[in-house]
PDB file of N, CA and C in Angstrom:
ATOM      1  N   UNK A   1      -7.938 -11.305 -13.949  1.00  0.00           N
ATOM      2  CA  UNK A   1      -7.957  -9.951 -12.497  1.00  0.00           C
ATOM      3  C   UNK A   1      -6.907  -9.298 -12.180  1.00  0.00           C
ATOM      4  N   UNK A   2      -7.370  -7.863 -12.382  1.00  0.00           N
ATOM      5  CA  UNK A   2      -6.011  -7.206 -11.999  1.00  0.00           C
ATOM      6  C   UNK A   2      -5.719  -6.664 -10.638  1.00  0.00           C
ATOM      7  N   UNK A   3      -4.969  -6.745  -9.870  1.00  0.00           N
ATOM      8  CA  UNK A   3      -4.513  -6.806  -8.951  1.00  0.00           C
ATOM      9  C   UNK A   3      -3.523  -5.595  -8.255  1.00  0.00           C
ATOM     10  N   UNK A   4      -3.813  -4.884  -7.547  1.00  0.00           N
ATOM     11  CA  UNK A   4      -3.697  -3.237  -7.081  1.00  0.00           C
ATOM     12  C   UNK A   4      -3.133  -3.389  -5.805  1.00  0.00           C
ATOM     13  N   UNK A   5      -1.955  -2.420  -5.629  1.00  0.00           N
ATOM     14  CA  UNK A   5      -1.335  -2.248  -3.967  1.00  0.00           C
ATOM     15  C   UNK A   5      -1.960  -0.889  -3.971  1.00  0.00           C
ATOM     16  N   UNK A   6      -2.783  -0.908  -2.712  1.00  0.00           N
ATOM     17  CA  UNK A   6      -3.566   0.654  -2.271  1.00  0.00           C
ATOM     18  C   UNK A   6      -3.931   0.334  -0.762  1.00  0.00           C
ATOM     19  N   UNK A   7      -4.426   1.512  -0.456  1.00  0.00           N
ATOM     20  CA  UNK A   7      -4.430   1.847   1.046  1.00  0.00           C
ATOM     21  C   UNK A   7      -6.196   1.505   1.278  1.00  0.00           C
ATOM     22  N   UNK A   8      -5.685   0.945   2.591  1.00  0.00           N
ATOM     23  CA  UNK A   8      -7.337   0.519   3.209  1.00  0.00           C
ATOM     24  C   UNK A   8      -7.215   1.223   4.547  1.00  0.00           C
ATOM     25  N   UNK A   9      -8.283   2.212   4.274  1.00  0.00           N
ATOM     26  CA  UNK A   9      -8.820   3.094   5.833  1.00  0.00           C
ATOM     27  C   UNK A   9      -9.118   2.052   6.864  1.00  0.00           C
ATOM     28  N   UNK A  10      -8.547   2.446   8.118  1.00  0.00           N
ATOM     29  CA  UNK A  10      -9.080   1.874   9.316  1.00  0.00           C
ATOM     30  C   UNK A  10      -8.848   3.429  10.266  1.00  0.00           C
ATOM     31  N   UNK A  11      -9.075   3.035  11.462  1.00  0.00           N
ATOM     32  CA  UNK A  11      -8.854   3.877  12.601  1.00  0.00           C
ATOM     33  C   UNK A  11     -10.522   4.592  12.864  1.00  0.00           C
ATOM     34  N   UNK A  12     -10.442   5.568  13.675  1.00  0.00           N
ATOM     35  CA  UNK A  12     -11.922   5.865  14.036  1.00  0.00           C
ATOM     36  C   UNK A  12     -11.621   7.362  13.500  1.00  0.00           C
ATOM     37  N   UNK A  13     -13.037   7.935  13.501  1.00  0.00           N
ATOM     38  CA  UNK A  13     -13.421   9.465  12.895  1.00  0.00           C
ATOM     39  C   UNK A  13     -12.423  10.466  12.837  1.00  0.00           C
ATOM     40  N   UNK A  14     -11.703  10.833  12.005  1.00  0.00           N
ATOM     41  CA  UNK A  14     -11.019  12.045  11.789  1.00  0.00           C
ATOM     42  C   UNK A  14      -9.260  11.858  12.323  1.00  0.00           C
ATOM     43  N   UNK A  15      -9.382  10.236  12.548  1.00  0.00           N
ATOM     44  CA  UNK A  15      -8.209   9.867  13.000  1.00  0.00           C
ATOM     45  C   UNK A  15      -7.836   8.477  12.124  1.00  0.00           C
ATOM     46  N   UNK A  16      -7.455   8.866  11.041  1.00  0.00           N
ATOM     47  CA  UNK A  16      -7.364   7.862   9.793  1.00  0.00           C
ATOM     48  C   UNK A  16      -5.544   6.818   9.932  1.00  0.00           C
ATOM     49  N   UNK A  17      -6.210   5.711   9.497  1.00  0.00           N
ATOM     50  CA  UNK A  17      -4.739   4.621  10.038  1.00  0.00           C
ATOM     51  C   UNK A  17      -4.808   3.869   8.990  1.00  0.00           C
ATOM     52  N   UNK A  18      -3.994   3.724   7.817  1.00  0.00           N
ATOM     53  CA  UNK A  18      -4.305   2.915   6.920  1.00  0.00           C
ATOM     54  C   UNK A  18      -3.088   1.758   6.780  1.00  0.00           C
ATOM     55  N   UNK A  19      -3.663   0.732   6.294  1.00  0.00           N
ATOM     56  CA  UNK A  19      -3.170  -0.457   5.403  1.00  0.00           C
ATOM     57  C   UNK A  19      -2.744  -0.406   4.065  1.00  0.00           C
ATOM     58  N   UNK A  20      -1.738  -1.032   3.897  1.00  0.00           N
ATOM     59  CA  UNK A  20      -1.345  -1.130   2.518  1.00  0.00           C
ATOM     60  C   UNK A  20      -1.268  -2.503   2.085  1.00  0.00           C
ATOM     61  N   UNK A  21      -2.452  -2.781   1.281  1.00  0.00           N
ATOM     62  CA  UNK A  21      -3.038  -4.120   1.180  1.00  0.00           C
ATOM     63  C   UNK A  21      -2.751  -4.131  -0.422  1.00  0.00           C
ATOM     64  N   UNK A  22      -2.650  -5.516  -0.755  1.00  0.00           N
ATOM     65  CA  UNK A  22      -2.453  -6.126  -2.117  1.00  0.00           C
ATOM     66  C   UNK A  22      -4.143  -6.817  -2.493  1.00  0.00           C
ATOM     67  N   UNK A  23      -5.070  -5.936  -3.154  1.00  0.00           N
ATOM     68  CA  UNK A  23      -6.516  -6.518  -3.518  1.00  0.00           C
ATOM     69  C   UNK A  23      -6.833  -6.410  -4.918  1.00  0.00           C
ATOM     70  N   UNK A  24      -7.649  -7.202  -5.185  1.00  0.00           N
ATOM     71  CA  UNK A  24      -8.422  -7.369  -6.384  1.00  0.00           C
ATOM     72  C   UNK A  24      -9.229  -5.729  -6.621  1.00  0.00           C
ATOM     73  N   UNK A  25      -8.612  -5.476  -7.759  1.00  0.00           N
ATOM     74  CA  UNK A  25      -9.150  -4.017  -8.252  1.00  0.00           C
ATOM     75  C   UNK A  25     -10.555  -3.936  -8.062  1.00  0.00           C
ATOM     76  N   UNK A  26     -11.667  -4.724  -8.067  1.00  0.00           N
ATOM     77  CA  UNK A  26     -12.768  -4.645  -8.204  1.00  0.00           C
ATOM     78  C   UNK A  26     -13.399  -4.769  -6.365  1.00  0.00           C
ATOM     79  N   UNK A  27     -12.419  -4.986  -5.720  1.00  0.00           N
ATOM     80  CA  UNK A  27     -12.745  -5.484  -3.974  1.00  0.00           C
ATOM     81  C   UNK A  27     -12.995  -4.157  -3.471  1.00  0.00           C
ATOM     82  N   UNK A  28     -13.987  -3.639  -2.502  1.00  0.00           N
ATOM     83  CA  UNK A  28     -14.209  -2.440  -2.292  1.00  0.00           C
ATOM     84  C   UNK A  28     -13.182  -2.034  -1.445  1.00  0.00           C
ATOM     85  N   UNK A  29     -13.062  -0.626  -1.216  1.00  0.00           N
ATOM     86  CA  UNK A  29     -11.490  -0.331  -0.298  1.00  0.00           C
ATOM     87  C   UNK A  29     -11.273  -0.867   0.726  1.00  0.00           C
ATOM     88  N   UNK A  30     -11.979  -0.975   1.816  1.00  0.00           N
ATOM     89  CA  UNK A  30     -11.981  -1.774   2.930  1.00  0.00           C
ATOM     90  C   UNK A  30     -12.027  -3.104   3.185  1.00  0.00           C
ATOM     91  N   UNK A  31     -12.536  -3.622   1.634  1.00  0.00           N
ATOM     92  CA  UNK A  31     -12.607  -5.066   1.869  1.00  0.00           C
ATOM     93  C   UNK A  31     -12.118  -6.358   1.759  1.00  0.00           C
ATOM     94  N   UNK A  32     -12.250  -7.374   1.165  1.00  0.00           N
ATOM     95  CA  UNK A  32     -11.291  -7.967   0.983  1.00  0.00           C
ATOM     96  C   UNK A  32      -9.942  -7.895   0.299  1.00  0.00           C
ATOM     97  N   UNK A  33      -8.894  -8.540   0.722  1.00  0.00           N
ATOM     98  CA  UNK A  33      -7.418  -8.034   0.195  1.00  0.00           C
ATOM     99  C   UNK A  33      -6.749  -9.485   0.290  1.00  0.00           C
ATOM    100  N   UNK A  34      -5.681  -9.682  -0.546  1.00  0.00           N
ATOM    101  CA  UNK A  34      -4.898 -10.913  -0.699  1.00  0.00           C
ATOM    102  C   UNK A  34      -4.143 -11.028   0.258  1.00  0.00           C
ATOM    103  N   UNK A  35      -3.403  -9.585   0.476  1.00  0.00           N
ATOM    104  CA  UNK A  35      -2.103  -9.827   1.488  1.00  0.00           C
ATOM    105  C   UNK A  35      -1.816  -8.424   1.985  1.00  0.00           C
ATOM    106  N   UNK A  36      -1.818  -8.264   3.311  1.00  0.00           N
ATOM    107  CA  UNK A  36      -0.923  -6.775   4.007  1.00  0.00           C
ATOM    108  C   UNK A  36       0.333  -6.688   4.026  1.00  0.00           C
ATOM    109  N   UNK A  37       1.019  -5.439   3.330  1.00  0.00           N
ATOM    110  CA  UNK A  37       1.919  -5.741   3.009  1.00  0.00           C
ATOM    111  C   UNK A  37       2.973  -4.353   3.910  1.00  0.00           C
ATOM    112  N   UNK A  38       2.033  -3.536   4.647  1.00  0.00           N
ATOM    113  CA  UNK A  38       2.365  -2.369   5.537  1.00  0.00           C
ATOM    114  C   UNK A  38       1.713  -1.514   5.838  1.00  0.00           C
ATOM    115  N   UNK A  39       1.919  -0.534   7.052  1.00  0.00           N
ATOM    116  CA  UNK A  39       0.589   0.245   6.907  1.00  0.00           C
ATOM    117  C   UNK A  39       1.378   1.719   7.206  1.00  0.00           C
ATOM    118  N   UNK A  40       0.557   2.790   7.237  1.00  0.00           N
ATOM    119  CA  UNK A  40       0.819   4.289   7.190  1.00  0.00           C
ATOM    120  C   UNK A  40       0.146   4.882   7.910  1.00  0.00           C
ATOM    121  N   UNK A  41       0.446   5.620   9.066  1.00  0.00           N
ATOM    122  CA  UNK A  41      -0.011   6.532   9.800  1.00  0.00           C
ATOM    123  C   UNK A  41      -0.039   7.968   9.527  1.00  0.00           C
ATOM    124  N   UNK A  42      -0.672   8.766   9.106  1.00  0.00           N
ATOM    125  CA  UNK A  42      -0.261  10.379   8.674  1.00  0.00           C
ATOM    126  C   UNK A  42      -0.473  11.174   9.675  1.00  0.00           C
ATOM    127  N   UNK A  43      -1.055  10.831  10.644  1.00  0.00           N
ATOM    128  CA  UNK A  43      -1.337  11.798  12.019  1.00  0.00           C
ATOM    129  C   UNK A  43      -0.163  11.809  12.811  1.00  0.00           C
ATOM    130  N   UNK A  44       0.631  10.908  12.621  1.00  0.00           N
ATOM    131  CA  UNK A  44       2.009  10.985  13.591  1.00  0.00           C
ATOM    132  C   UNK A  44       3.077  12.529  13.079  1.00  0.00           C
ATOM    133  N   UNK A  45       3.961  13.158  13.489  1.00  0.00           N
ATOM    134  CA  UNK A  45       4.441  14.244  13.282  1.00  0.00           C
ATOM    135  C   UNK A  45       5.521  13.740  12.053  1.00  0.00           C
ATOM    136  N   UNK A  46       5.672  12.710  11.700  1.00  0.00           N
ATOM    137  CA  UNK A  46       6.913  12.042  10.759  1.00  0.00           C
ATOM    138  C   UNK A  46       6.578  11.169   9.754  1.00  0.00           C
ATOM    139  N   UNK A  47       4.810  11.107  10.135  1.00  0.00           N
ATOM    140  CA  UNK A  47       4.006  10.157   9.178  1.00  0.00           C
ATOM    141  C   UNK A  47       4.691   8.887   9.321  1.00  0.00           C
ATOM    142  N   UNK A  48       4.223   7.964  10.170  1.00  0.00           N
ATOM    143  CA  UNK A  48       4.835   6.355  10.188  1.00  0.00           C
ATOM    144  C   UNK A  48       4.538   5.644   8.946  1.00  0.00           C
ATOM    145  N   UNK A  49       5.464   5.133   8.366  1.00  0.00           N
ATOM    146  CA  UNK A  49       5.562   4.058   7.276  1.00  0.00           C
ATOM    147  C   UNK A  49       6.198   3.257   7.498  1.00  0.00           C
ATOM    148  N   UNK A  50       5.354   1.731   7.937  1.00  0.00           N
ATOM    149  CA  UNK A  50       6.153   0.636   8.162  1.00  0.00           C
ATOM    150  C   UNK A  50       6.172  -0.579   6.248  1.00  0.00           C
ATOM    151  N   UNK A  51       6.927  -1.020   5.968  1.00  0.00           N
ATOM    152  CA  UNK A  51       6.568  -1.763   4.698  1.00  0.00           C
ATOM    153  C   UNK A  51       7.580  -3.069   4.671  1.00  0.00           C
ATOM    154  N   UNK A  52       6.832  -4.122   4.029  1.00  0.00           N
ATOM    155  CA  UNK A  52       7.672  -5.278   3.979  1.00  0.00           C
ATOM    156  C   UNK A  52       7.808  -5.587   2.605  1.00  0.00           C
ATOM    157  N   UNK A  53       9.442  -4.592   1.959  1.00  0.00           N
ATOM    158  CA  UNK A  53       9.717  -4.557   0.695  1.00  0.00           C
ATOM    159  C   UNK A  53       9.960  -5.887   0.087  1.00  0.00           C
ATOM    160  N   UNK A  54      10.122  -7.102   0.775  1.00  0.00           N
ATOM    161  CA  UNK A  54      10.171  -7.968  -0.334  1.00  0.00           C
ATOM    162  C   UNK A  54       9.109  -8.610  -0.653  1.00  0.00           C
ATOM    163  N   UNK A  55       7.873  -8.497  -0.084  1.00  0.00           N
ATOM    164  CA  UNK A  55       6.572  -8.937  -0.239  1.00  0.00           C
ATOM    165  C   UNK A  55       6.048  -7.811  -1.359  1.00  0.00           C
ATOM    166  N   UNK A  56       6.416  -6.755  -1.062  1.00  0.00           N
ATOM    167  CA  UNK A  56       6.072  -5.328  -2.178  1.00  0.00           C
ATOM    168  C   UNK A  56       6.527  -5.877  -3.923  1.00  0.00           C
ATOM    169  N   UNK A  57       7.704  -5.842  -3.679  1.00  0.00           N
ATOM    170  CA  UNK A  57       8.677  -6.509  -4.996  1.00  0.00           C
ATOM    171  C   UNK A  57       7.824  -7.699  -5.351  1.00  0.00           C
ATOM    172  N   UNK A  58       7.670  -8.595  -4.743  1.00  0.00           N
ATOM    173  CA  UNK A  58       6.883  -9.958  -5.018  1.00  0.00           C
ATOM    174  C   UNK A  58       5.875  -9.669  -5.870  1.00  0.00           C
ATOM    175  N   UNK A  59       5.033  -8.611  -5.357  1.00  0.00           N
ATOM    176  CA  UNK A  59       3.736  -8.566  -5.796  1.00  0.00           C
ATOM    177  C   UNK A  59       3.749  -7.666  -7.190  1.00  0.00           C
ATOM    178  N   UNK A  60       4.706  -6.960  -7.147  1.00  0.00           N
ATOM    179  CA  UNK A  60       4.784  -6.077  -8.429  1.00  0.00           C
ATOM    180  C   UNK A  60       5.522  -7.086  -9.651  1.00  0.00           C
ATOM    181  N   UNK A  61       6.457  -7.870  -9.065  1.00  0.00           N
ATOM    182  CA  UNK A  61       6.846  -8.804 -10.137  1.00  0.00           C
ATOM    183  C   UNK A  61       5.616  -9.692 -10.901  1.00  0.00           C
ATOM    184  N   UNK A  62       4.739 -10.063  -9.856  1.00  0.00           N
ATOM    185  CA  UNK A  62       3.384 -11.003 -10.536  1.00  0.00           C
ATOM    186  C   UNK A  62       2.384 -10.047 -11.108  1.00  0.00           C
ATOM    187  N   UNK A  63       2.317  -9.001 -11.238  1.00  0.00           N
ATOM    188  CA  UNK A  63       1.814  -7.906 -12.185  1.00  0.00           C
ATOM    189  C   UNK A  63       0.964  -7.137 -11.372  1.00  0.00           C
ATOM    190  N   UNK A  64       1.093  -6.945 -10.171  1.00  0.00           N
ATOM    191  CA  UNK A  64       0.518  -5.934  -9.097  1.00  0.00           C
ATOM    192  C   UNK A  64       0.781  -4.422  -9.699  1.00  0.00           C
ATOM    193  N   UNK A  65      -0.136  -3.461  -9.821  1.00  0.00           N
ATOM    194  CA  UNK A  65       0.204  -2.005  -9.542  1.00  0.00           C
ATOM    195  C   UNK A  65      -0.413  -1.418  -8.590  1.00  0.00           C
ATOM    196  N   UNK A  66       0.766  -0.394  -8.397  1.00  0.00           N
ATOM    197  CA  UNK A  66       0.320   0.470  -7.049  1.00  0.00           C
ATOM    198  C   UNK A  66      -0.520   1.575  -7.471  1.00  0.00           C
ATOM    199  N   UNK A  67      -1.066   2.178  -6.512  1.00  0.00           N
ATOM    200  CA  UNK A  67      -1.641   3.339  -6.770  1.00  0.00           C
ATOM    201  C   UNK A  67      -0.589   4.331  -6.777  1.00  0.00           C
ATOM    202  N   UNK A  68      -1.250   5.593  -7.557  1.00  0.00           N
ATOM    203  CA  UNK A  68      -0.306   6.696  -7.371  1.00  0.00           C
ATOM    204  C   UNK A  68       0.094   7.195  -5.779  1.00  0.00           C
ATOM    205  N   UNK A  69      -0.800   6.948  -4.687  1.00  0.00           N
ATOM    206  CA  UNK A  69      -0.626   7.499  -3.331  1.00  0.00           C
ATOM    207  C   UNK A  69       0.440   6.374  -2.582  1.00  0.00           C
ATOM    208  N   UNK A  70       0.145   5.253  -3.082  1.00  0.00           N
ATOM    209  CA  UNK A  70       1.203   3.914  -2.578  1.00  0.00           C
ATOM    210  C   UNK A  70       2.118   4.109  -3.334  1.00  0.00           C
ATOM    211  N   UNK A  71       2.370   4.307  -4.578  1.00  0.00           N
ATOM    212  CA  UNK A  71       3.741   4.669  -5.672  1.00  0.00           C
ATOM    213  C   UNK A  71       4.388   5.458  -5.075  1.00  0.00           C
ATOM    214  N   UNK A  72       3.977   6.948  -4.598  1.00  0.00           N
ATOM    215  CA  UNK A  72       4.817   7.801  -4.006  1.00  0.00           C
ATOM    216  C   UNK A  72       5.112   7.546  -2.182  1.00  0.00           C
ATOM    217  N   UNK A  73       4.411   6.696  -1.602  1.00  0.00           N
ATOM    218  CA  UNK A  73       5.022   6.384  -0.082  1.00  0.00           C
ATOM    219  C   UNK A  73       6.058   5.495  -0.166  1.00  0.00           C
ATOM    220  N   UNK A  74       5.800   4.295  -1.483  1.00  0.00           N
ATOM    221  CA  UNK A  74       6.940   3.222  -1.521  1.00  0.00           C
ATOM    222  C   UNK A  74       8.173   4.063  -2.133  1.00  0.00           C
ATOM    223  N   UNK A  75       8.155   5.176  -3.010  1.00  0.00           N
ATOM    224  CA  UNK A  75       9.365   5.616  -3.585  1.00  0.00           C
ATOM    225  C   UNK A  75       9.983   6.156  -2.210  1.00  0.00           C
ATOM    226  N   UNK A  76       9.536   7.240  -1.308  1.00  0.00           N
ATOM    227  CA  UNK A  76      10.054   8.035  -0.548  1.00  0.00           C
ATOM    228  C   UNK A  76      10.564   6.976   0.516  1.00  0.00           C
ATOM    229  N   UNK A  77      10.121   5.840   0.538  1.00  0.00           N
ATOM    230  CA  UNK A  77      10.421   4.699   1.796  1.00  0.00           C
ATOM    231  C   UNK A  77      11.829   3.955   0.638  1.00  0.00           C
ATOM    232  N   UNK A  78      12.062   4.116  -0.539  1.00  0.00           N
ATOM    233  CA  UNK A  78      13.198   3.577  -1.163  1.00  0.00           C
ATOM    234  C   UNK A  78      12.951   2.230  -1.428  1.00  0.00           C
ATOM    235  N   UNK A  79      11.834   1.999  -1.374  1.00  0.00           N
ATOM    236  CA  UNK A  79      11.410   0.299  -2.009  1.00  0.00           C
ATOM    237  C   UNK A  79      11.276   0.504  -3.675  1.00  0.00           C
ATOM    238  N   UNK A  80      10.472   1.096  -4.106  1.00  0.00           N
ATOM    239  CA  UNK A  80      10.591   1.619  -5.711  1.00  0.00           C
ATOM    240  C   UNK A  80      11.618   2.097  -6.378  1.00  0.00           C
ATOM    241  N   UNK A  81      12.400   2.105  -7.279  1.00  0.00           N
ATOM    242  CA  UNK A  81      13.082   2.392  -8.024  1.00  0.00           C
ATOM    243  C   UNK A  81      12.719   3.054  -9.286  1.00  0.00           C
ATOM    244  N   UNK A  82      13.597   3.241 -10.111  1.00  0.00           N
ATOM    245  CA  UNK A  82      13.101   3.636 -11.655  1.00  0.00           C
ATOM    246  C   UNK A  82      12.627   2.449 -11.941  1.00  0.00           C
ATOM    247  N   UNK A  83      13.552   1.246 -11.827  1.00  0.00           N
ATOM    248  CA  UNK A  83      12.887   0.081 -12.658  1.00  0.00           C
ATOM    249  C   UNK A  83      11.596  -0.194 -12.201  1.00  0.00           C
ATOM    250  N   UNK A  84      11.264  -0.408 -11.375  1.00  0.00           N
ATOM    251  CA  UNK A  84      10.321  -0.855 -10.402  1.00  0.00           C
ATOM    252  C   UNK A  84       8.677  -0.281 -10.861  1.00  0.00           C
ATOM    253  N   UNK A  85       9.159   0.757 -11.869  1.00  0.00           N
ATOM    254  CA  UNK A  85       7.582   1.828 -12.661  1.00  0.00           C
ATOM    255  C   UNK A  85       6.855   0.724 -13.450  1.00  0.00           C
TER     256      UNK A  85
END
C-alpha cells in the first residue's frame, strides 16, 4: 500500500479550501483518508496554511510521500528540510 500526503479539495464552487491528508494512493482525491494533518486556504491574501508538523514527520518516517504541491507548501512552512525529502 503506497501512502501519499496530498490535498483534498473542499469548499464551494470557485472558492476552494483544501485539507492536507494522508491517504492511500489508490483512494479518490476527496475520498477516504487515514488522517488529516493540516489545511490550506489559497483564497486569502496570505494563503493561510496550518499544519501539524509532528504528524507530518511521523508519516514521512513511516514511508508516506508528499505530492509536489504539498512538498512545496511544507517547505515554505519549514516542516520539511533537505533531510526530509
